[in-house]
Amino acid sequence: MFQPLDPLLHSELRLAIVSLLIGVEEAEFPYIKEQTGATAGNLSVQLDKLSTAGYIEVEKTFKGKKPCTICRMTGAGHQAFENYVEALKSYLNVK
């Protein structure tokens, strides 16, 4: 039987963000924007959704006088991604 897919992670951009963050300790907003090809506005909205769900942590700081947004996965985000991958495997019939 198919396992349910987390609708929050099933979005293409949110899945790309989490897939990117899962492999690094943290990433800055411009890097995530460049890697995903998202617009700044759409990326901001999706980061907010992931943050509200507790999947990522968003830290807003400054580099000199320029604002700097840093994102990192949370423990809950790691678990949600792992669960998503396992659920996806049930669709692919992979053990």
PDB file of N, CA and C in Angstrom:
ATOM      1  N   MET A   1       0.839  -1.185   0.000  1.00  0.00           N
ATOM      2  CA  MET A   1       0.000   0.000   0.000  1.00  0.00           C
ATOM      3  C   MET A   1       0.887   1.254   0.000  1.00  0.00           C
ATOM      4  N   PHE A   2       0.402   2.298  -0.622  1.00  0.00           N
ATOM      5  CA  PHE A   2       1.163   3.534  -0.697  1.00  0.00           C
ATOM      6  C   PHE A   2       1.088   4.308   0.619  1.00  0.00           C
ATOM      7  N   GLN A   3       2.219   4.833   1.039  1.00  0.00           N
ATOM      8  CA  GLN A   3       2.260   5.678   2.224  1.00  0.00           C
ATOM      9  C   GLN A   3       1.918   7.108   1.796  1.00  0.00           C
ATOM     10  N   PRO A   4       1.271   7.875   2.667  1.00  0.00           N
ATOM     11  CA  PRO A   4       0.942   9.259   2.299  1.00  0.00           C
ATOM     12  C   PRO A   4       2.198  10.118   2.189  1.00  0.00           C
ATOM     13  N   LEU A   5       2.199  11.010   1.200  1.00  0.00           N
ATOM     14  CA  LEU A   5       3.311  11.942   1.004  1.00  0.00           C
ATOM     15  C   LEU A   5       3.009  13.245   1.732  1.00  0.00           C
ATOM     16  N   ASP A   6       3.973  13.770   2.439  1.00  0.00           N
ATOM     17  CA  ASP A   6       3.830  15.027   3.165  1.00  0.00           C
ATOM     18  C   ASP A   6       3.534  16.136   2.147  1.00  0.00           C
ATOM     19  N   PRO A   7       2.342  16.726   2.183  1.00  0.00           N
ATOM     20  CA  PRO A   7       1.994  17.742   1.187  1.00  0.00           C
ATOM     21  C   PRO A   7       2.894  18.971   1.255  1.00  0.00           C
ATOM     22  N   LEU A   8       3.456  19.259   2.409  1.00  0.00           N
ATOM     23  CA  LEU A   8       4.353  20.400   2.534  1.00  0.00           C
ATOM     24  C   LEU A   8       5.636  20.160   1.746  1.00  0.00           C
ATOM     25  N   LEU A   9       6.147  18.937   1.771  1.00  0.00           N
ATOM     26  CA  LEU A   9       7.376  18.621   1.054  1.00  0.00           C
ATOM     27  C   LEU A   9       7.124  18.226  -0.392  1.00  0.00           C
ATOM     28  N   HIS A  10       5.890  17.965  -0.748  1.00  0.00           N
ATOM     29  CA  HIS A  10       5.586  17.499  -2.100  1.00  0.00           C
ATOM     30  C   HIS A  10       5.579  18.630  -3.129  1.00  0.00           C
ATOM     31  N   SER A  11       5.661  19.864  -2.664  1.00  0.00           N
ATOM     32  CA  SER A  11       5.788  21.011  -3.556  1.00  0.00           C
ATOM     33  C   SER A  11       7.199  21.012  -4.144  1.00  0.00           C
ATOM     34  N   GLU A  12       7.307  21.260  -5.447  1.00  0.00           N
ATOM     35  CA  GLU A  12       8.602  21.194  -6.118  1.00  0.00           C
ATOM     36  C   GLU A  12       9.646  22.118  -5.490  1.00  0.00           C
ATOM     37  N   LEU A  13       9.293  23.366  -5.224  1.00  0.00           N
ATOM     38  CA  LEU A  13      10.266  24.304  -4.681  1.00  0.00           C
ATOM     39  C   LEU A  13      10.612  23.964  -3.232  1.00  0.00           C
ATOM     40  N   ARG A  14       9.614  23.628  -2.416  1.00  0.00           N
ATOM     41  CA  ARG A  14       9.912  23.288  -1.022  1.00  0.00           C
ATOM     42  C   ARG A  14      10.766  22.025  -0.943  1.00  0.00           C
ATOM     43  N   LEU A  15      10.502  21.055  -1.815  1.00  0.00           N
ATOM     44  CA  LEU A  15      11.317  19.847  -1.843  1.00  0.00           C
ATOM     45  C   LEU A  15      12.745  20.178  -2.266  1.00  0.00           C
ATOM     46  N   ALA A  16      12.905  21.082  -3.221  1.00  0.00           N
ATOM     47  CA  ALA A  16      14.244  21.496  -3.661  1.00  0.00           C
ATOM     48  C   ALA A  16      14.991  22.193  -2.524  1.00  0.00           C
ATOM     49  N   ILE A  17      14.306  23.035  -1.785  1.00  0.00           N
ATOM     50  CA  ILE A  17      14.926  23.749  -0.667  1.00  0.00           C
ATOM     51  C   ILE A  17      15.416  22.758   0.385  1.00  0.00           C
ATOM     52  N   VAL A  18      14.533  21.849   0.778  1.00  0.00           N
ATOM     53  CA  VAL A  18      14.881  20.879   1.810  1.00  0.00           C
ATOM     54  C   VAL A  18      15.975  19.936   1.311  1.00  0.00           C
ATOM     55  N   SER A  19      15.902  19.524   0.061  1.00  0.00           N
ATOM     56  CA  SER A  19      16.933  18.656  -0.512  1.00  0.00           C
ATOM     57  C   SER A  19      18.291  19.346  -0.503  1.00  0.00           C
ATOM     58  N   LEU A  20      18.295  20.626  -0.740  1.00  0.00           N
ATOM     59  CA  LEU A  20      19.536  21.401  -0.712  1.00  0.00           C
ATOM     60  C   LEU A  20      20.061  21.533   0.716  1.00  0.00           C
ATOM     61  N   LEU A  21      19.174  21.870   1.642  1.00  0.00           N
ATOM     62  CA  LEU A  21      19.591  22.104   3.024  1.00  0.00           C
ATOM     63  C   LEU A  21      19.985  20.821   3.756  1.00  0.00           C
ATOM     64  N   ILE A  22      19.440  19.700   3.347  1.00  0.00           N
ATOM     65  CA  ILE A  22      19.727  18.434   4.030  1.00  0.00           C
ATOM     66  C   ILE A  22      21.212  18.082   3.930  1.00  0.00           C
ATOM     67  N   GLY A  23      21.872  18.555   2.872  1.00  0.00           N
ATOM     68  CA  GLY A  23      23.271  18.205   2.651  1.00  0.00           C
ATOM     69  C   GLY A  23      24.282  19.226   3.149  1.00  0.00           C
ATOM     70  N   VAL A  24      23.820  20.325   3.728  1.00  0.00           N
ATOM     71  CA  VAL A  24      24.736  21.359   4.221  1.00  0.00           C
ATOM     72  C   VAL A  24      24.328  21.752   5.639  1.00  0.00           C
ATOM     73  N   GLU A  25      25.256  22.347   6.347  1.00  0.00           N
ATOM     74  CA  GLU A  25      24.945  22.790   7.705  1.00  0.00           C
ATOM     75  C   GLU A  25      23.966  23.966   7.677  1.00  0.00           C
ATOM     76  N   GLU A  26      24.211  24.897   6.747  1.00  0.00           N
ATOM     77  CA  GLU A  26      23.338  26.052   6.582  1.00  0.00           C
ATOM     78  C   GLU A  26      23.592  26.658   5.206  1.00  0.00           C
ATOM     79  N   ALA A  27      22.656  27.478   4.761  1.00  0.00           N
ATOM     80  CA  ALA A  27      22.804  28.135   3.457  1.00  0.00           C
ATOM     81  C   ALA A  27      22.168  29.520   3.533  1.00  0.00           C
ATOM     82  N   GLU A  28      22.779  30.450   2.815  1.00  0.00           N
ATOM     83  CA  GLU A  28      22.252  31.811   2.761  1.00  0.00           C
ATOM     84  C   GLU A  28      21.224  31.926   1.644  1.00  0.00           C
ATOM     85  N   PHE A  29      20.317  32.870   1.814  1.00  0.00           N
ATOM     86  CA  PHE A  29      19.216  33.099   0.891  1.00  0.00           C
ATOM     87  C   PHE A  29      19.663  33.190  -0.573  1.00  0.00           C
ATOM     88  N   PRO A  30      20.689  34.001  -0.908  1.00  0.00           N
ATOM     89  CA  PRO A  30      21.077  34.103  -2.329  1.00  0.00           C
ATOM     90  C   PRO A  30      21.526  32.764  -2.925  1.00  0.00           C
ATOM     91  N   TYR A  31      22.195  31.947  -2.126  1.00  0.00           N
ATOM     92  CA  TYR A  31      22.643  30.633  -2.600  1.00  0.00           C
ATOM     93  C   TYR A  31      21.440  29.735  -2.890  1.00  0.00           C
ATOM     94  N   ILE A  32      20.482  29.711  -1.980  1.00  0.00           N
ATOM     95  CA  ILE A  32      19.279  28.891  -2.178  1.00  0.00           C
ATOM     96  C   ILE A  32      18.521  29.387  -3.404  1.00  0.00           C
ATOM     97  N   LYS A  33      18.410  30.702  -3.544  1.00  0.00           N
ATOM     98  CA  LYS A  33      17.724  31.304  -4.690  1.00  0.00           C
ATOM     99  C   LYS A  33      18.395  30.884  -5.996  1.00  0.00           C
ATOM    100  N   GLU A  34      19.714  30.967  -6.022  1.00  0.00           N
ATOM    101  CA  GLU A  34      20.468  30.608  -7.225  1.00  0.00           C
ATOM    102  C   GLU A  34      20.320  29.115  -7.559  1.00  0.00           C
ATOM    103  N   GLN A  35      20.436  28.273  -6.561  1.00  0.00           N
ATOM    104  CA  GLN A  35      20.382  26.828  -6.779  1.00  0.00           C
ATOM    105  C   GLN A  35      18.996  26.345  -7.197  1.00  0.00           C
ATOM    106  N   THR A  36      17.951  26.986  -6.688  1.00  0.00           N
ATOM    107  CA  THR A  36      16.587  26.552  -6.994  1.00  0.00           C
ATOM    108  C   THR A  36      15.995  27.262  -8.202  1.00  0.00           C
ATOM    109  N   GLY A  37      16.561  28.410  -8.569  1.00  0.00           N
ATOM    110  CA  GLY A  37      16.017  29.178  -9.677  1.00  0.00           C
ATOM    111  C   GLY A  37      14.726  29.898  -9.321  1.00  0.00           C
ATOM    112  N   ALA A  38      14.446  30.016  -8.031  1.00  0.00           N
ATOM    113  CA  ALA A  38      13.214  30.662  -7.575  1.00  0.00           C
ATOM    114  C   ALA A  38      13.359  32.176  -7.587  1.00  0.00           C
ATOM    115  N   THR A  39      12.230  32.855  -7.655  1.00  0.00           N
ATOM    116  CA  THR A  39      12.248  34.307  -7.484  1.00  0.00           C
ATOM    117  C   THR A  39      12.391  34.591  -5.987  1.00  0.00           C
ATOM    118  N   ALA A  40      12.869  35.768  -5.651  1.00  0.00           N
ATOM    119  CA  ALA A  40      13.052  36.128  -4.242  1.00  0.00           C
ATOM    120  C   ALA A  40      11.726  36.070  -3.481  1.00  0.00           C
ATOM    121  N   GLY A  41      10.668  36.579  -4.089  1.00  0.00           N
ATOM    122  CA  GLY A  41       9.363  36.582  -3.428  1.00  0.00           C
ATOM    123  C   GLY A  41       8.831  35.185  -3.172  1.00  0.00           C
ATOM    124  N   ASN A  42       8.886  34.322  -4.192  1.00  0.00           N
ATOM    125  CA  ASN A  42       8.389  32.958  -4.029  1.00  0.00           C
ATOM    126  C   ASN A  42       9.240  32.199  -3.018  1.00  0.00           C
ATOM    127  N   LEU A  43      10.546  32.378  -3.081  1.00  0.00           N
ATOM    128  CA  LEU A  43      11.428  31.699  -2.135  1.00  0.00           C
ATOM    129  C   LEU A  43      11.111  32.126  -0.710  1.00  0.00           C
ATOM    130  N   SER A  44      10.901  33.409  -0.497  1.00  0.00           N
ATOM    131  CA  SER A  44      10.560  33.906   0.841  1.00  0.00           C
ATOM    132  C   SER A  44       9.295  33.249   1.379  1.00  0.00           C
ATOM    133  N   VAL A  45       8.282  33.145   0.541  1.00  0.00           N
ATOM    134  CA  VAL A  45       7.013  32.533   0.947  1.00  0.00           C
ATOM    135  C   VAL A  45       7.220  31.061   1.319  1.00  0.00           C
ATOM    136  N   GLN A  46       7.987  30.351   0.500  1.00  0.00           N
ATOM    137  CA  GLN A  46       8.183  28.920   0.746  1.00  0.00           C
ATOM    138  C   GLN A  46       9.059  28.683   1.986  1.00  0.00           C
ATOM    139  N   LEU A  47      10.059  29.535   2.195  1.00  0.00           N
ATOM    140  CA  LEU A  47      10.877  29.422   3.405  1.00  0.00           C
ATOM    141  C   LEU A  47      10.024  29.662   4.644  1.00  0.00           C
ATOM    142  N   ASP A  48       9.110  30.617   4.546  1.00  0.00           N
ATOM    143  CA  ASP A  48       8.209  30.905   5.660  1.00  0.00           C
ATOM    144  C   ASP A  48       7.334  29.699   5.972  1.00  0.00           C
ATOM    145  N   LYS A  49       6.816  29.032   4.950  1.00  0.00           N
ATOM    146  CA  LYS A  49       5.974  27.844   5.158  1.00  0.00           C
ATOM    147  C   LYS A  49       6.768  26.727   5.834  1.00  0.00           C
ATOM    148  N   LEU A  50       8.001  26.517   5.378  1.00  0.00           N
ATOM    149  CA  LEU A  50       8.839  25.469   5.971  1.00  0.00           C
ATOM    150  C   LEU A  50       9.225  25.826   7.407  1.00  0.00           C
ATOM    151  N   SER A  51       9.464  27.099   7.648  1.00  0.00           N
ATOM    152  CA  SER A  51       9.807  27.563   8.990  1.00  0.00           C
ATOM    153  C   SER A  51       8.620  27.423   9.941  1.00  0.00           C
ATOM    154  N   THR A  52       7.440  27.814   9.479  1.00  0.00           N
ATOM    155  CA  THR A  52       6.227  27.706  10.289  1.00  0.00           C
ATOM    156  C   THR A  52       5.954  26.255  10.667  1.00  0.00           C
ATOM    157  N   ALA A  53       6.254  25.332   9.760  1.00  0.00           N
ATOM    158  CA  ALA A  53       6.056  23.903  10.027  1.00  0.00           C
ATOM    159  C   ALA A  53       7.129  23.342  10.961  1.00  0.00           C
ATOM    160  N   GLY A  54       8.192  24.120  11.192  1.00  0.00           N
ATOM    161  CA  GLY A  54       9.264  23.657  12.056  1.00  0.00           C
ATOM    162  C   GLY A  54      10.299  22.809  11.348  1.00  0.00           C
ATOM    163  N   TYR A  55      10.259  22.794  10.004  1.00  0.00           N
ATOM    164  CA  TYR A  55      11.195  21.977   9.223  1.00  0.00           C
ATOM    165  C   TYR A  55      12.548  22.661   9.041  1.00  0.00           C
ATOM    166  N   ILE A  56      12.535  23.993   9.020  1.00  0.00           N
ATOM    167  CA  ILE A  56      13.790  24.735   8.903  1.00  0.00           C
ATOM    168  C   ILE A  56      13.797  25.859   9.924  1.00  0.00           C
ATOM    169  N   GLU A  57      14.991  26.353  10.181  1.00  0.00           N
ATOM    170  CA  GLU A  57      15.184  27.508  11.042  1.00  0.00           C
ATOM    171  C   GLU A  57      15.722  28.628  10.161  1.00  0.00           C
ATOM    172  N   VAL A  58      15.141  29.803  10.291  1.00  0.00           N
ATOM    173  CA  VAL A  58      15.568  30.951   9.496  1.00  0.00           C
ATOM    174  C   VAL A  58      16.123  31.998  10.450  1.00  0.00           C
ATOM    175  N   GLU A  59      17.372  32.373  10.214  1.00  0.00           N
ATOM    176  CA  GLU A  59      18.040  33.385  11.040  1.00  0.00           C
ATOM    177  C   GLU A  59      18.305  34.618  10.186  1.00  0.00           C
ATOM    178  N   LYS A  60      17.852  35.746  10.664  1.00  0.00           N
ATOM    179  CA  LYS A  60      18.064  37.010   9.943  1.00  0.00           C
ATOM    180  C   LYS A  60      19.118  37.809  10.697  1.00  0.00           C
ATOM    181  N   THR A  61      20.223  38.088  10.002  1.00  0.00           N
ATOM    182  CA  THR A  61      21.331  38.832  10.594  1.00  0.00           C
ATOM    183  C   THR A  61      21.782  39.901   9.596  1.00  0.00           C
ATOM    184  N   PHE A  62      22.943  40.444   9.846  1.00  0.00           N
ATOM    185  CA  PHE A  62      23.541  41.412   8.930  1.00  0.00           C
ATOM    186  C   PHE A  62      24.980  41.023   8.648  1.00  0.00           C
ATOM    187  N   LYS A  63      25.404  41.269   7.415  1.00  0.00           N
ATOM    188  CA  LYS A  63      26.805  41.177   7.021  1.00  0.00           C
ATOM    189  C   LYS A  63      27.202  42.608   6.728  1.00  0.00           C
ATOM    190  N   GLY A  64      27.859  43.213   7.691  1.00  0.00           N
ATOM    191  CA  GLY A  64      28.107  44.647   7.572  1.00  0.00           C
ATOM    192  C   GLY A  64      26.772  45.358   7.690  1.00  0.00           C
ATOM    193  N   LYS A  65      26.411  46.093   6.652  1.00  0.00           N
ATOM    194  CA  LYS A  65      25.133  46.803   6.660  1.00  0.00           C
ATOM    195  C   LYS A  65      24.070  46.099   5.824  1.00  0.00           C
ATOM    196  N   LYS A  66      24.440  44.966   5.215  1.00  0.00           N
ATOM    197  CA  LYS A  66      23.497  44.243   4.351  1.00  0.00           C
ATOM    198  C   LYS A  66      22.780  43.149   5.131  1.00  0.00           C
ATOM    199  N   PRO A  67      21.462  43.031   4.956  1.00  0.00           N
ATOM    200  CA  PRO A  67      20.738  41.939   5.616  1.00  0.00           C
ATOM    201  C   PRO A  67      21.198  40.584   5.068  1.00  0.00           C
ATOM    202  N   CYS A  68      21.191  39.596   5.942  1.00  0.00           N
ATOM    203  CA  CYS A  68      21.621  38.247   5.571  1.00  0.00           C
ATOM    204  C   CYS A  68      20.656  37.246   6.195  1.00  0.00           C
ATOM    205  N   THR A  69      20.042  36.422   5.361  1.00  0.00           N
ATOM    206  CA  THR A  69      19.124  35.393   5.834  1.00  0.00           C
ATOM    207  C   THR A  69      19.815  34.043   5.692  1.00  0.00           C
ATOM    208  N   ILE A  70      19.911  33.335   6.816  1.00  0.00           N
ATOM    209  CA  ILE A  70      20.566  32.029   6.854  1.00  0.00           C
ATOM    210  C   ILE A  70      19.523  30.977   7.216  1.00  0.00           C
ATOM    211  N   CYS A  71      19.512  29.883   6.460  1.00  0.00           N
ATOM    212  CA  CYS A  71      18.554  28.810   6.690  1.00  0.00           C
ATOM    213  C   CYS A  71      19.286  27.527   7.038  1.00  0.00           C
ATOM    214  N   ARG A  72      18.679  26.756   7.940  1.00  0.00           N
ATOM    215  CA  ARG A  72      19.229  25.444   8.287  1.00  0.00           C
ATOM    216  C   ARG A  72      18.089  24.494   8.644  1.00  0.00           C
ATOM    217  N   MET A  73      18.338  23.213   8.446  1.00  0.00           N
ATOM    218  CA  MET A  73      17.339  22.191   8.777  1.00  0.00           C
ATOM    219  C   MET A  73      17.240  22.041  10.292  1.00  0.00           C
ATOM    220  N   THR A  74      16.054  21.672  10.756  1.00  0.00           N
ATOM    221  CA  THR A  74      15.851  21.329  12.164  1.00  0.00           C
ATOM    222  C   THR A  74      15.793  19.805  12.269  1.00  0.00           C
ATOM    223  N   GLY A  75      15.781  19.312  13.482  1.00  0.00           N
ATOM    224  CA  GLY A  75      15.617  17.875  13.693  1.00  0.00           C
ATOM    225  C   GLY A  75      14.302  17.388  13.100  1.00  0.00           C
ATOM    226  N   ALA A  76      13.246  18.173  13.292  1.00  0.00           N
ATOM    227  CA  ALA A  76      11.934  17.814  12.741  1.00  0.00           C
ATOM    228  C   ALA A  76      11.978  17.799  11.214  1.00  0.00           C
ATOM    229  N   GLY A  77      12.736  18.731  10.636  1.00  0.00           N
ATOM    230  CA  GLY A  77      12.876  18.776   9.179  1.00  0.00           C
ATOM    231  C   GLY A  77      13.606  17.561   8.643  1.00  0.00           C
ATOM    232  N   HIS A  78      14.661  17.155   9.339  1.00  0.00           N
ATOM    233  CA  HIS A  78      15.397  15.948   8.937  1.00  0.00           C
ATOM    234  C   HIS A  78      14.476  14.738   8.967  1.00  0.00           C
ATOM    235  N   GLN A  79      13.689  14.628  10.041  1.00  0.00           N
ATOM    236  CA  GLN A  79      12.776  13.490  10.178  1.00  0.00           C
ATOM    237  C   GLN A  79      11.693  13.523   9.108  1.00  0.00           C
ATOM    238  N   ALA A  80      11.145  14.693   8.840  1.00  0.00           N
ATOM    239  CA  ALA A  80      10.100  14.823   7.818  1.00  0.00           C
ATOM    240  C   ALA A  80      10.642  14.439   6.445  1.00  0.00           C
ATOM    241  N   PHE A  81      11.876  14.854   6.139  1.00  0.00           N
ATOM    242  CA  PHE A  81      12.477  14.512   4.857  1.00  0.00           C
ATOM    243  C   PHE A  81      12.707  13.004   4.759  1.00  0.00           C
ATOM    244  N   GLU A  82      13.213  12.415   5.833  1.00  0.00           N
ATOM    245  CA  GLU A  82      13.434  10.966   5.860  1.00  0.00           C
ATOM    246  C   GLU A  82      12.116  10.219   5.655  1.00  0.00           C
ATOM    247  N   ASN A  83      11.060  10.656   6.329  1.00  0.00           N
ATOM    248  CA  ASN A  83       9.738  10.038   6.172  1.00  0.00           C
ATOM    249  C   ASN A  83       9.225  10.201   4.742  1.00  0.00           C
ATOM    250  N   TYR A  84       9.458  11.375   4.156  1.00  0.00           N
ATOM    251  CA  TYR A  84       9.016  11.640   2.791  1.00  0.00           C
ATOM    252  C   TYR A  84       9.713  10.690   1.810  1.00  0.00           C
ATOM    253  N   VAL A  85      11.016  10.529   1.981  1.00  0.00           N
ATOM    254  CA  VAL A  85      11.784   9.646   1.101  1.00  0.00           C
ATOM    255  C   VAL A  85      11.284   8.204   1.239  1.00  0.00           C
ATOM    256  N   GLU A  86      11.026   7.768   2.461  1.00  0.00           N
ATOM    257  CA  GLU A  86      10.515   6.408   2.681  1.00  0.00           C
ATOM    258  C   GLU A  86       9.142   6.241   2.035  1.00  0.00           C
ATOM    259  N   ALA A  87       8.286   7.242   2.178  1.00  0.00           N
ATOM    260  CA  ALA A  87       6.957   7.178   1.567  1.00  0.00           C
ATOM    261  C   ALA A  87       7.073   7.132   0.041  1.00  0.00           C
ATOM    262  N   LEU A  88       7.973   7.928  -0.508  1.00  0.00           N
ATOM    263  CA  LEU A  88       8.176   7.945  -1.955  1.00  0.00           C
ATOM    264  C   LEU A  88       8.639   6.575  -2.451  1.00  0.00           C
ATOM    265  N   LYS A  89       9.466   5.916  -1.665  1.00  0.00           N
ATOM    266  CA  LYS A  89       9.939   4.576  -2.036  1.00  0.00           C
ATOM    267  C   LYS A  89       8.772   3.599  -2.185  1.00  0.00           C
ATOM    268  N   SER A  90       7.729   3.794  -1.391  1.00  0.00           N
ATOM    269  CA  SER A  90       6.572   2.890  -1.491  1.00  0.00           C
ATOM    270  C   SER A  90       5.890   3.041  -2.860  1.00  0.00           C
ATOM    271  N   TYR A  91       5.987   4.227  -3.462  1.00  0.00           N
ATOM    272  CA  TYR A  91       5.423   4.451  -4.793  1.00  0.00           C
ATOM    273  C   TYR A  91       6.324   3.850  -5.869  1.00  0.00           C
ATOM    274  N   LEU A  92       7.597   3.806  -5.582  1.00  0.00           N
ATOM    275  CA  LEU A  92       8.572   3.295  -6.546  1.00  0.00           C
ATOM    276  C   LEU A  92       8.839   1.812  -6.354  1.00  0.00           C
ATOM    277  N   ASN A  93       8.254   1.265  -5.294  1.00  0.00           N
ATOM    278  CA  ASN A  93       8.437  -0.144  -4.956  1.00  0.00           C
ATOM    279  C   ASN A  93       9.914  -0.462  -4.735  1.00  0.00           C
ATOM    280  N   VAL A  94      10.599   0.433  -4.017  1.00  0.00           N
ATOM    281  CA  VAL A  94      12.015   0.273  -3.721  1.00  0.00           C
ATOM    282  C   VAL A  94      12.138  -0.103  -2.241  1.00  0.00           C
ATOM    283  N   LYS A  95      12.992  -1.053  -1.963  1.00  0.00           N
ATOM    284  CA  LYS A  95      13.195  -1.480  -0.563  1.00  0.00           C
ATOM    285  C   LYS A  95      14.448  -0.877   0.003  1.00  0.00           C
TER     286      LYS A  95
END
